[in-house]
C-alpha atoms as a PDB file:
ATOM      1  CA  MET A   1      -3.052 -18.951  -9.278  1.00  0.00           C
ATOM      2  CA  GLU A   2      -5.623 -16.253  -8.602  1.00  0.00           C
ATOM      3  CA  PHE A   3      -5.473 -12.722  -7.173  1.00  0.00           C
ATOM      4  CA  ILE A   4      -7.945 -11.571  -4.520  1.00  0.00           C
ATOM      5  CA  GLU A   5      -8.386  -7.818  -3.875  1.00  0.00           C
ATOM      6  CA  LEU A   6      -9.432  -6.946  -0.309  1.00  0.00           C
ATOM      7  CA  ASP A   7     -11.170  -3.763   0.895  1.00  0.00           C
ATOM      8  CA  SER A   8      -8.051  -3.004   2.944  1.00  0.00           C
ATOM      9  CA  GLY A   9      -6.123  -2.447  -0.304  1.00  0.00           C
ATOM     10  CA  GLN A  10      -4.211  -5.700   0.053  1.00  0.00           C
ATOM     11  CA  VAL A  11      -4.007  -8.168  -2.778  1.00  0.00           C
ATOM     12  CA  LEU A  12      -3.682 -11.834  -1.911  1.00  0.00           C
ATOM     13  CA  ILE A  13      -2.451 -14.574  -4.154  1.00  0.00           C
ATOM     14  CA  LYS A  14      -4.375 -17.824  -3.972  1.00  0.00           C
ATOM     15  CA  GLU A  15      -2.576 -20.977  -4.982  1.00  0.00           C
ATOM     16  CA  VAL A  16      -4.232 -24.382  -5.183  1.00  0.00           C
ATOM     17  CA  PHE A  17      -2.079 -27.415  -4.492  1.00  0.00           C
ATOM     18  CA  GLU A  18      -3.018 -31.094  -4.575  1.00  0.00           C
ATOM     19  CA  THR A  19      -3.996 -31.312  -0.906  1.00  0.00           C
ATOM     20  CA  TYR A  20      -4.574 -27.701   0.178  1.00  0.00           C
ATOM     21  CA  THR A  21      -5.187 -24.103  -0.867  1.00  0.00           C
ATOM     22  CA  GLU A  22      -2.944 -21.256   0.286  1.00  0.00           C
ATOM     23  CA  GLU A  23      -3.701 -17.517   0.361  1.00  0.00           C
ATOM     24  CA  LYS A  24      -0.886 -15.117   1.160  1.00  0.00           C
ATOM     25  CA  HIS A  25      -0.111 -11.416   0.843  1.00  0.00           C
ATOM     26  CA  TYR A  26       1.074 -10.488  -2.635  1.00  0.00           C
ATOM     27  CA  ASP A  27       1.090  -6.668  -2.734  1.00  0.00           C
ATOM     28  CA  MET A  28      -1.146  -3.647  -2.312  1.00  0.00           C
ATOM     29  CA  LYS A  29      -3.673  -2.832  -5.038  1.00  0.00           C
ATOM     30  CA  TYR A  30      -1.828   0.410  -5.923  1.00  0.00           C
ATOM     31  CA  HIS A  31       1.713   1.672  -5.518  1.00  0.00           C
ATOM     32  CA  THR A  32       3.580   4.822  -6.394  1.00  0.00           C
ATOM     33  CA  LYS A  33       6.932   5.395  -8.044  1.00  0.00           C
ATOM     34  CA  LEU A  34       8.509   8.811  -7.474  1.00  0.00           C
ATOM     35  CA  ARG A  35      11.122  10.755  -9.381  1.00  0.00           C
ATOM     36  CA  TYR A  36      12.566  14.267  -9.260  1.00  0.00           C
ATOM     37  CA  GLU A  37      13.083  16.272 -12.432  1.00  0.00           C
ATOM     38  CA  ASN A  38      12.953  19.929 -13.425  1.00  0.00           C
ATOM     39  CA  SER A  39      12.227  21.134  -9.869  1.00  0.00           C
ATOM     40  CA  LYS A  40       9.203  18.834  -9.548  1.00  0.00           C
ATOM     41  CA  VAL A  41       8.544  15.580  -7.727  1.00  0.00           C
ATOM     42  CA  LYS A  42       6.298  13.298  -9.765  1.00  0.00           C
ATOM     43  CA  ALA A  43       4.409  10.266  -8.467  1.00  0.00           C
ATOM     44  CA  GLU A  44       3.124   7.736 -10.975  1.00  0.00           C
ATOM     45  CA  VAL A  45       0.457   5.243  -9.886  1.00  0.00           C
ATOM     46  CA  PHE A  46       0.713   1.548 -10.756  1.00  0.00           C
ATOM     47  CA  ASP A  47      -1.343  -1.528  -9.927  1.00  0.00           C
ATOM     48  CA  TYR A  48      -0.103  -4.699  -8.225  1.00  0.00           C
ATOM     49  CA  LEU A  49       0.949  -6.148 -11.589  1.00  0.00           C
ATOM     50  CA  ASP A  50       3.094  -3.020 -12.175  1.00  0.00           C
ATOM     51  CA  ASN A  51       0.799  -1.647 -14.881  1.00  0.00           C
ATOM     52  CA  PHE A  52       0.619   2.149 -15.046  1.00  0.00           C
ATOM     53  CA  ILE A  53      -2.923   3.285 -14.106  1.00  0.00           C
ATOM     54  CA  GLU A  54      -3.630   6.013 -16.657  1.00  0.00           C
ATOM     55  CA  ASP A  55      -7.213   6.587 -15.438  1.00  0.00           C
ATOM     56  CA  PHE A  56      -6.211   7.152 -11.776  1.00  0.00           C
ATOM     57  CA  ASN A  57      -7.475  10.662 -10.931  1.00  0.00           C
ATOM     58  CA  ASN A  58      -7.659  10.499  -7.122  1.00  0.00           C
ATOM     59  CA  ASP A  59      -5.628  12.201  -4.411  1.00  0.00           C
ATOM     60  CA  VAL A  60      -1.969  11.440  -3.802  1.00  0.00           C
ATOM     61  CA  ILE A  61      -0.424  12.602  -0.517  1.00  0.00           C
ATOM     62  CA  PHE A  62       3.233  13.682  -0.595  1.00  0.00           C
ATOM     63  CA  GLU A  63       5.322  14.081   2.565  1.00  0.00           C
ATOM     64  CA  TYR A  64       8.597  15.918   3.138  1.00  0.00           C
ATOM     65  CA  GLU A  65      10.086  16.374   6.617  1.00  0.00           C
ATOM     66  CA  GLY A  66       6.719  15.641   8.236  1.00  0.00           C
ATOM     67  CA  ASN A  67       4.804  18.135   6.103  1.00  0.00           C
ATOM     68  CA  GLN A  68       2.099  16.781   3.845  1.00  0.00           C
ATOM     69  CA  ILE A  69       0.474  18.100   0.698  1.00  0.00           C
ATOM     70  CA  THR A  70      -2.420  16.471  -1.125  1.00  0.00           C
ATOM     71  CA  VAL A  71      -2.563  16.689  -4.915  1.00  0.00           C
ATOM     72  CA  GLN A  72      -5.077  15.227  -7.320  1.00  0.00           C
ATOM     73  CA  ALA A  73      -3.474  12.921  -9.854  1.00  0.00           C
ATOM     74  CA  ILE A  74      -4.298  13.557 -13.480  1.00  0.00           C
ATOM     75  CA  ASN A  75      -4.099  10.549 -15.774  1.00  0.00           C
ATOM     76  CA  GLY A  76      -2.128   8.555 -13.188  1.00  0.00           C
ATOM     77  CA  ILE A  77       0.443  11.252 -12.368  1.00  0.00           C
ATOM     78  CA  ALA A  78       0.559  13.653  -9.418  1.00  0.00           C
ATOM     79  CA  GLU A  79       3.275  16.268  -9.109  1.00  0.00           C
ATOM     80  CA  ILE A  80       4.423  19.004  -6.789  1.00  0.00           C
ATOM     81  CA  ASP A  81       6.860  21.857  -7.280  1.00  0.00           C
ATOM     82  CA  PHE A  82       9.953  21.253  -5.154  1.00  0.00           C
ATOM     83  CA  ILE A  83      12.526  23.958  -4.689  1.00  0.00           C
ATOM     84  CA  ALA A  84      15.203  23.704  -2.008  1.00  0.00           C
ATOM     85  CA  ASP A  85      18.711  24.952  -1.289  1.00  0.00           C
ATOM     86  CA  GLU A  86      21.221  23.774  -3.867  1.00  0.00           C
ATOM     87  CA  GLY A  87      23.279  20.777  -2.756  1.00  0.00           C
ATOM     88  CA  LEU A  88      20.663  19.612  -0.260  1.00  0.00           C
ATOM     89  CA  GLU A  89      19.789  15.898  -0.176  1.00  0.00           C
ATOM     90  CA  CYS A  90      16.018  15.479   0.089  1.00  0.00           C
ATOM     91  CA  THR A  91      13.678  12.530   0.541  1.00  0.00           C
ATOM     92  CA  VAL A  92      10.044  12.860  -0.516  1.00  0.00           C
ATOM     93  CA  LYS A  93       7.542  10.037  -0.156  1.00  0.00           C
ATOM     94  CA  THR A  94       3.870   9.334  -0.642  1.00  0.00           C
ATOM     95  CA  VAL A  95       1.758   8.387   2.385  1.00  0.00           C
ATOM     96  CA  ASN A  96      -1.569   7.240   0.951  1.00  0.00           C
ATOM     97  CA  GLU A  97      -3.636   4.747   2.929  1.00  0.00           C
ATOM     98  CA  LYS A  98      -4.095   1.357   1.283  1.00  0.00           C
ATOM     99  CA  PHE A  99      -1.063   1.924  -1.007  1.00  0.00           C
ATOM    100  CA  ARG A 100       2.479   0.607  -1.169  1.00  0.00           C
ATOM    101  CA  ASN A 101       3.996   4.066  -1.012  1.00  0.00           C
ATOM    102  CA  GLY A 102       7.130   5.059  -2.843  1.00  0.00           C
ATOM    103  CA  GLU A 103       9.894   7.509  -2.056  1.00  0.00           C
ATOM    104  CA  ALA A 104      12.646   9.320  -3.858  1.00  0.00           C
ATOM    105  CA  THR A 105      15.925  10.636  -2.478  1.00  0.00           C
ATOM    106  CA  PHE A 106      17.722  13.190  -4.613  1.00  0.00           C
ATOM    107  CA  ASN A 107      20.145  16.104  -4.526  1.00  0.00           C
ATOM    108  CA  VAL A 108      18.781  19.485  -5.484  1.00  0.00           C
END
């Protein structure tokens, strides 16, 4: 079994069998996991093996109700302040190209 990273951000898994070789989609190179705490939405960046990427310092794009904000991650974490009316259910997601983007739904 071998992983192949493509320029598109996709990661393929290559498996060699007795009579043939198969390559199929495994995951995207990076993905985000989001959580809401202390009036902030935090996105952590992981690789396709689910390892936290501590040296990821690139942009992460958050989206809420069609509005986007771009934030530079620091040491694998990007965060935005998020204040809304109490009792409101909110869904925030990331929308980065070449990522498996995450989302979080929470009550404020």
